[in-house]
Amino acid sequence: MSDSHLRSLAKAFSWRIVATLTTSIIAFFVTGEIGTAVTIGSIEFVLKFLIYYLHERAWALVPSRGRQA
């Protein structure tokens, strides 16, 4: 049984929150600028959310052992 589209979206969203906070904190320490860190985090959130969702859906197409496509 594969994950539904909604579950894949929920997983992508929750992971992006954690990962974007991490990226934003790192960007702040590197640049020392909160605005730059927020901009980097925002761009990263949107792009990687879409990439992760597509990645999840691609894996849903791959048959696992014991599951026929």
C-alpha atoms as a PDB file:
ATOM      1  CA  MET A   1       0.000   0.000   0.000  1.00  0.00           C
ATOM      2  CA  SER A   2       1.491   3.356  -0.992  1.00  0.00           C
ATOM      3  CA  ASP A   3       1.069   6.710   0.687  1.00  0.00           C
ATOM      4  CA  SER A   4      -1.758   8.909  -0.503  1.00  0.00           C
ATOM      5  CA  HIS A   5      -1.086  12.263  -2.166  1.00  0.00           C
ATOM      6  CA  LEU A   6      -2.332  14.029   0.979  1.00  0.00           C
ATOM      7  CA  ARG A   7      -0.002  12.017   3.231  1.00  0.00           C
ATOM      8  CA  SER A   8       2.937  12.770   0.905  1.00  0.00           C
ATOM      9  CA  LEU A   9       2.072  16.483   1.089  1.00  0.00           C
ATOM     10  CA  ALA A  10       1.816  16.368   4.895  1.00  0.00           C
ATOM     11  CA  LYS A  11       5.176  14.599   5.182  1.00  0.00           C
ATOM     12  CA  ALA A  12       6.789  17.076   2.788  1.00  0.00           C
ATOM     13  CA  PHE A  13       5.373  20.050   4.709  1.00  0.00           C
ATOM     14  CA  SER A  14       6.406  18.826   8.182  1.00  0.00           C
ATOM     15  CA  TRP A  15       9.917  17.970   6.996  1.00  0.00           C
ATOM     16  CA  ARG A  16      10.282  21.330   5.248  1.00  0.00           C
ATOM     17  CA  ILE A  17       9.484  23.154   8.502  1.00  0.00           C
ATOM     18  CA  VAL A  18      12.330  21.379  10.299  1.00  0.00           C
ATOM     19  CA  ALA A  19      14.793  21.635   7.410  1.00  0.00           C
ATOM     20  CA  THR A  20      13.996  25.280   6.631  1.00  0.00           C
ATOM     21  CA  LEU A  21      14.497  26.328  10.242  1.00  0.00           C
ATOM     22  CA  THR A  22      17.879  24.599  10.152  1.00  0.00           C
ATOM     23  CA  THR A  23      18.840  26.298   6.878  1.00  0.00           C
ATOM     24  CA  SER A  24      17.696  29.702   8.129  1.00  0.00           C
ATOM     25  CA  ILE A  25      19.709  29.378  11.340  1.00  0.00           C
ATOM     26  CA  ILE A  26      22.815  28.387   9.392  1.00  0.00           C
ATOM     27  CA  ALA A  27      22.268  31.251   6.925  1.00  0.00           C
ATOM     28  CA  PHE A  28      21.963  33.685   9.825  1.00  0.00           C
ATOM     29  CA  PHE A  29      25.212  32.483  11.399  1.00  0.00           C
ATOM     30  CA  VAL A  30      27.025  32.699   8.062  1.00  0.00           C
ATOM     31  CA  THR A  31      25.667  36.097   6.990  1.00  0.00           C
ATOM     32  CA  GLY A  32      24.757  37.716  10.301  1.00  0.00           C
ATOM     33  CA  GLU A  33      21.668  39.152   8.603  1.00  0.00           C
ATOM     34  CA  ILE A  34      18.176  38.060   9.587  1.00  0.00           C
ATOM     35  CA  GLY A  35      16.647  39.354   6.332  1.00  0.00           C
ATOM     36  CA  THR A  36      19.038  37.339   4.214  1.00  0.00           C
ATOM     37  CA  ALA A  37      18.461  34.252   6.357  1.00  0.00           C
ATOM     38  CA  VAL A  38      14.682  34.578   5.990  1.00  0.00           C
ATOM     39  CA  THR A  39      14.978  35.077   2.218  1.00  0.00           C
ATOM     40  CA  ILE A  40      17.203  32.013   1.846  1.00  0.00           C
ATOM     41  CA  GLY A  41      14.872  29.974   4.069  1.00  0.00           C
ATOM     42  CA  SER A  42      11.794  31.068   2.126  1.00  0.00           C
ATOM     43  CA  ILE A  43      13.240  30.181  -1.262  1.00  0.00           C
ATOM     44  CA  GLU A  44      14.557  26.895   0.083  1.00  0.00           C
ATOM     45  CA  PHE A  45      11.169  26.010   1.612  1.00  0.00           C
ATOM     46  CA  VAL A  46       9.191  26.408  -1.597  1.00  0.00           C
ATOM     47  CA  LEU A  47      11.670  24.740  -3.941  1.00  0.00           C
ATOM     48  CA  LYS A  48      12.499  21.802  -1.718  1.00  0.00           C
ATOM     49  CA  PHE A  49       8.841  21.256  -0.773  1.00  0.00           C
ATOM     50  CA  LEU A  50       8.023  20.715  -4.434  1.00  0.00           C
ATOM     51  CA  ILE A  51      11.119  18.584  -5.040  1.00  0.00           C
ATOM     52  CA  TYR A  52      10.387  16.381  -1.999  1.00  0.00           C
ATOM     53  CA  TYR A  53       6.768  15.866  -3.042  1.00  0.00           C
ATOM     54  CA  LEU A  54       7.825  14.817  -6.553  1.00  0.00           C
ATOM     55  CA  HIS A  55      10.450  12.514  -5.042  1.00  0.00           C
ATOM     56  CA  GLU A  56       7.830  10.877  -2.791  1.00  0.00           C
ATOM     57  CA  ARG A  57       5.431  10.377  -5.698  1.00  0.00           C
ATOM     58  CA  ALA A  58       8.198   8.893  -7.854  1.00  0.00           C
ATOM     59  CA  TRP A  59       9.003   6.378  -5.121  1.00  0.00           C
ATOM     60  CA  ALA A  60       5.302   5.519  -4.852  1.00  0.00           C
ATOM     61  CA  LEU A  61       5.549   4.275  -8.453  1.00  0.00           C
ATOM     62  CA  VAL A  62       8.415   1.892  -7.673  1.00  0.00           C
ATOM     63  CA  PRO A  63       7.140  -1.556  -6.752  1.00  0.00           C
ATOM     64  CA  SER A  64       8.423  -2.856  -3.438  1.00  0.00           C
ATOM     65  CA  ARG A  65       9.098  -6.490  -2.646  1.00  0.00           C
ATOM     66  CA  GLY A  66       5.835  -8.349  -2.338  1.00  0.00           C
ATOM     67  CA  ARG A  67       3.893  -5.605  -4.106  1.00  0.00           C
ATOM     68  CA  GLN A  68       3.078  -5.812  -7.780  1.00  0.00           C
ATOM     69  CA  ALA A  69       2.626  -2.617  -9.822  1.00  0.00           C
END
